[in-house]
Amino acid sequence: MTNPAYAKNAYISVDINNMSPLDLVIKLYDGAIGFLSKAVMSIEKKNRPMKIQYLNKTRAIVEELLSSLDMEVGGEVAVNLQDLYTYMLLELTRANSTDSIDKIYHIQELLKTLRSAWVEVKTTVPQSAVSLRQQVSAH
């Protein structure tokens, strides 16, 4: 008998393995945005352990986005993203220590804006016209 959790993980693995780097970046933004929504719900329900879990998951995603920046190729865009991700990490720490829903919403809006920008790149720049490395040179 197949373990449902194993089947789900295998499906997710296949899905991720078939994604372009740009699609992966967008998926990371989706995850962080979703985890922040869950963190807000956890704060509202006064569920501290779940709040911490969701903020930590968001932090891990932002840290991954930060560590994947190619500063040489990405130039000014990469520098700006580095500053923004660093700011988000600081604000996540503050939101965690103060249970600030406003800070979480602010971070969430920043992530939504960045996600929209990457979706715009994906839809407006022909995949054949620009190498994938150049499209995600900031990542």
C-alpha atoms as a PDB file:
ATOM      1  CA  MET A   1       0.000   0.000   0.000  1.00  0.00           C
ATOM      2  CA  THR A   2       1.321   3.442  -0.922  1.00  0.00           C
ATOM      3  CA  ASN A   3       1.880   5.974   1.822  1.00  0.00           C
ATOM      4  CA  PRO A   4      -0.196   9.109   0.932  1.00  0.00           C
ATOM      5  CA  ALA A   5       2.490  11.440   2.312  1.00  0.00           C
ATOM      6  CA  TYR A   6       5.128   9.730   0.168  1.00  0.00           C
ATOM      7  CA  ALA A   7       2.918  10.017  -2.923  1.00  0.00           C
ATOM      8  CA  LYS A   8       2.313  13.713  -2.267  1.00  0.00           C
ATOM      9  CA  ASN A   9       6.034  14.391  -1.771  1.00  0.00           C
ATOM     10  CA  ALA A  10       6.874  12.495  -4.957  1.00  0.00           C
ATOM     11  CA  TYR A  11       4.308  14.544  -6.882  1.00  0.00           C
ATOM     12  CA  ILE A  12       5.700  17.801  -5.500  1.00  0.00           C
ATOM     13  CA  SER A  13       9.243  16.670  -6.338  1.00  0.00           C
ATOM     14  CA  VAL A  14       8.298  15.942  -9.953  1.00  0.00           C
ATOM     15  CA  ASP A  15       6.491  19.285 -10.170  1.00  0.00           C
ATOM     16  CA  ILE A  16       9.531  21.195  -8.889  1.00  0.00           C
ATOM     17  CA  ASN A  17      11.979  19.249 -11.055  1.00  0.00           C
ATOM     18  CA  ASN A  18      10.030  20.255 -14.160  1.00  0.00           C
ATOM     19  CA  MET A  19       9.977  23.982 -13.325  1.00  0.00           C
ATOM     20  CA  SER A  20      12.208  26.666 -14.744  1.00  0.00           C
ATOM     21  CA  PRO A  21      14.291  28.688 -12.276  1.00  0.00           C
ATOM     22  CA  LEU A  22      11.929  31.622 -12.825  1.00  0.00           C
ATOM     23  CA  ASP A  23       8.908  29.463 -11.989  1.00  0.00           C
ATOM     24  CA  LEU A  24      10.694  28.261  -8.852  1.00  0.00           C
ATOM     25  CA  VAL A  25      11.286  31.843  -7.719  1.00  0.00           C
ATOM     26  CA  ILE A  26       7.602  32.614  -8.219  1.00  0.00           C
ATOM     27  CA  LYS A  27       6.670  29.458  -6.300  1.00  0.00           C
ATOM     28  CA  LEU A  28       8.928  30.543  -3.427  1.00  0.00           C
ATOM     29  CA  TYR A  29       7.119  33.880  -3.277  1.00  0.00           C
ATOM     30  CA  ASP A  30       3.783  32.017  -3.248  1.00  0.00           C
ATOM     31  CA  GLY A  31       4.964  29.907  -0.334  1.00  0.00           C
ATOM     32  CA  ALA A  32       6.202  32.860   1.701  1.00  0.00           C
ATOM     33  CA  ILE A  33       3.006  34.828   1.085  1.00  0.00           C
ATOM     34  CA  GLY A  34       0.896  31.851   2.148  1.00  0.00           C
ATOM     35  CA  PHE A  35       2.951  31.199   5.274  1.00  0.00           C
ATOM     36  CA  LEU A  36       2.577  34.840   6.302  1.00  0.00           C
ATOM     37  CA  SER A  37      -1.211  34.545   6.011  1.00  0.00           C
ATOM     38  CA  LYS A  38      -1.062  31.495   8.261  1.00  0.00           C
ATOM     39  CA  ALA A  39       1.181  33.369  10.716  1.00  0.00           C
ATOM     40  CA  VAL A  40      -1.429  36.130  10.964  1.00  0.00           C
ATOM     41  CA  MET A  41      -4.164  33.576  11.654  1.00  0.00           C
ATOM     42  CA  SER A  42      -1.943  31.993  14.303  1.00  0.00           C
ATOM     43  CA  ILE A  43      -1.430  35.355  16.014  1.00  0.00           C
ATOM     44  CA  GLU A  44      -5.165  36.015  15.951  1.00  0.00           C
ATOM     45  CA  LYS A  45      -5.783  32.593  17.532  1.00  0.00           C
ATOM     46  CA  LYS A  46      -2.960  33.198  20.025  1.00  0.00           C
ATOM     47  CA  ASN A  47      -1.234  30.046  18.808  1.00  0.00           C
ATOM     48  CA  ARG A  48       2.391  30.989  19.436  1.00  0.00           C
ATOM     49  CA  PRO A  49       4.009  27.709  18.293  1.00  0.00           C
ATOM     50  CA  MET A  50       2.232  27.842  14.920  1.00  0.00           C
ATOM     51  CA  LYS A  51       3.069  31.541  14.493  1.00  0.00           C
ATOM     52  CA  ILE A  52       6.724  30.776  15.068  1.00  0.00           C
ATOM     53  CA  GLN A  53       6.590  27.825  12.663  1.00  0.00           C
ATOM     54  CA  TYR A  54       5.072  29.879   9.843  1.00  0.00           C
ATOM     55  CA  LEU A  55       7.378  32.842  10.378  1.00  0.00           C
ATOM     56  CA  ASN A  56      10.369  30.469  10.399  1.00  0.00           C
ATOM     57  CA  LYS A  57       9.205  28.924   7.117  1.00  0.00           C
ATOM     58  CA  THR A  58       8.892  32.399   5.623  1.00  0.00           C
ATOM     59  CA  ARG A  59      12.347  33.275   6.944  1.00  0.00           C
ATOM     60  CA  ALA A  60      13.808  30.152   5.322  1.00  0.00           C
ATOM     61  CA  ILE A  61      12.312  31.127   1.972  1.00  0.00           C
ATOM     62  CA  VAL A  62      13.593  34.701   2.178  1.00  0.00           C
ATOM     63  CA  GLU A  63      17.024  33.401   3.196  1.00  0.00           C
ATOM     64  CA  GLU A  64      17.001  31.079   0.174  1.00  0.00           C
ATOM     65  CA  LEU A  65      16.055  33.949  -2.129  1.00  0.00           C
ATOM     66  CA  LEU A  66      18.822  36.045  -0.587  1.00  0.00           C
ATOM     67  CA  SER A  67      21.472  33.341  -0.866  1.00  0.00           C
ATOM     68  CA  SER A  68      20.595  32.618  -4.483  1.00  0.00           C
ATOM     69  CA  LEU A  69      21.246  36.160  -5.678  1.00  0.00           C
ATOM     70  CA  ASP A  70      24.009  36.406  -8.281  1.00  0.00           C
ATOM     71  CA  MET A  71      25.557  39.716  -7.356  1.00  0.00           C
ATOM     72  CA  GLU A  72      27.953  39.778 -10.305  1.00  0.00           C
ATOM     73  CA  VAL A  73      25.384  39.134 -13.013  1.00  0.00           C
ATOM     74  CA  GLY A  74      22.424  40.784 -11.283  1.00  0.00           C
ATOM     75  CA  GLY A  75      24.067  44.161 -10.800  1.00  0.00           C
ATOM     76  CA  GLU A  76      21.924  46.892  -9.291  1.00  0.00           C
ATOM     77  CA  VAL A  77      18.798  44.713  -9.277  1.00  0.00           C
ATOM     78  CA  ALA A  78      20.575  42.088  -7.181  1.00  0.00           C
ATOM     79  CA  VAL A  79      21.883  44.747  -4.777  1.00  0.00           C
ATOM     80  CA  ASN A  80      18.373  46.168  -4.344  1.00  0.00           C
ATOM     81  CA  LEU A  81      16.901  42.712  -3.796  1.00  0.00           C
ATOM     82  CA  GLN A  82      19.641  41.951  -1.270  1.00  0.00           C
ATOM     83  CA  ASP A  83      18.736  45.089   0.675  1.00  0.00           C
ATOM     84  CA  LEU A  84      15.032  44.281   0.504  1.00  0.00           C
ATOM     85  CA  TYR A  85      15.458  40.658   1.600  1.00  0.00           C
ATOM     86  CA  THR A  86      17.697  41.749   4.471  1.00  0.00           C
ATOM     87  CA  TYR A  87      15.063  44.276   5.520  1.00  0.00           C
ATOM     88  CA  MET A  88      12.378  41.559   5.367  1.00  0.00           C
ATOM     89  CA  LEU A  89      14.433  39.277   7.610  1.00  0.00           C
ATOM     90  CA  LEU A  90      14.790  42.056  10.163  1.00  0.00           C
ATOM     91  CA  GLU A  91      11.068  42.819  10.024  1.00  0.00           C
ATOM     92  CA  LEU A  92      10.219  39.115  10.401  1.00  0.00           C
ATOM     93  CA  THR A  93      12.254  39.075  13.605  1.00  0.00           C
ATOM     94  CA  ARG A  94      10.448  42.167  14.861  1.00  0.00           C
ATOM     95  CA  ALA A  95       7.049  40.775  13.870  1.00  0.00           C
ATOM     96  CA  ASN A  96       7.813  37.572  15.737  1.00  0.00           C
ATOM     97  CA  SER A  97       8.882  39.317  18.919  1.00  0.00           C
ATOM     98  CA  THR A  98       5.980  41.797  18.948  1.00  0.00           C
ATOM     99  CA  ASP A  99       3.202  39.766  17.286  1.00  0.00           C
ATOM    100  CA  SER A 100       2.838  42.646  14.851  1.00  0.00           C
ATOM    101  CA  ILE A 101       0.271  41.762  12.219  1.00  0.00           C
ATOM    102  CA  ASP A 102       0.971  45.100  10.524  1.00  0.00           C
ATOM    103  CA  LYS A 103       4.628  44.155  10.010  1.00  0.00           C
ATOM    104  CA  ILE A 104       3.581  40.804   8.584  1.00  0.00           C
ATOM    105  CA  TYR A 105       1.155  42.472   6.187  1.00  0.00           C
ATOM    106  CA  HIS A 106       3.893  44.886   5.129  1.00  0.00           C
ATOM    107  CA  ILE A 107       6.305  42.053   4.354  1.00  0.00           C
ATOM    108  CA  GLN A 108       3.526  40.210   2.562  1.00  0.00           C
ATOM    109  CA  GLU A 109       2.820  43.238   0.354  1.00  0.00           C
ATOM    110  CA  LEU A 110       6.507  43.546  -0.516  1.00  0.00           C
ATOM    111  CA  LEU A 111       6.575  39.870  -1.509  1.00  0.00           C
ATOM    112  CA  LYS A 112       3.393  40.248  -3.573  1.00  0.00           C
ATOM    113  CA  THR A 113       4.930  43.200  -5.419  1.00  0.00           C
ATOM    114  CA  LEU A 114       8.113  41.253  -6.158  1.00  0.00           C
ATOM    115  CA  ARG A 115       6.101  38.223  -7.248  1.00  0.00           C
ATOM    116  CA  SER A 116       4.079  40.362  -9.650  1.00  0.00           C
ATOM    117  CA  ALA A 117       7.269  41.759 -11.129  1.00  0.00           C
ATOM    118  CA  TRP A 118       8.672  38.273 -11.794  1.00  0.00           C
ATOM    119  CA  VAL A 119       5.360  37.146 -13.298  1.00  0.00           C
ATOM    120  CA  GLU A 120       5.513  40.191 -15.562  1.00  0.00           C
ATOM    121  CA  VAL A 121       9.043  39.235 -16.636  1.00  0.00           C
ATOM    122  CA  LYS A 122       7.832  35.721 -17.362  1.00  0.00           C
ATOM    123  CA  THR A 123       4.885  36.873 -19.462  1.00  0.00           C
ATOM    124  CA  THR A 124       6.560  39.718 -21.351  1.00  0.00           C
ATOM    125  CA  VAL A 125      10.031  38.402 -22.079  1.00  0.00           C
ATOM    126  CA  PRO A 126      10.023  35.598 -24.637  1.00  0.00           C
ATOM    127  CA  GLN A 127      11.799  32.571 -23.226  1.00  0.00           C
ATOM    128  CA  SER A 128      13.767  32.152 -26.445  1.00  0.00           C
ATOM    129  CA  ALA A 129      14.895  35.787 -26.596  1.00  0.00           C
ATOM    130  CA  VAL A 130      16.659  35.853 -23.258  1.00  0.00           C
ATOM    131  CA  SER A 131      18.529  33.026 -21.650  1.00  0.00           C
ATOM    132  CA  LEU A 132      17.003  31.764 -18.447  1.00  0.00           C
ATOM    133  CA  ARG A 133      20.164  32.709 -16.597  1.00  0.00           C
ATOM    134  CA  GLN A 134      19.736  36.334 -17.638  1.00  0.00           C
ATOM    135  CA  GLN A 135      16.051  36.369 -16.677  1.00  0.00           C
ATOM    136  CA  VAL A 136      16.846  35.256 -13.177  1.00  0.00           C
ATOM    137  CA  SER A 137      20.284  36.798 -12.942  1.00  0.00           C
ATOM    138  CA  ALA A 138      19.222  38.360  -9.694  1.00  0.00           C
ATOM    139  CA  HIS A 139      18.457  34.868  -8.394  1.00  0.00           C
END
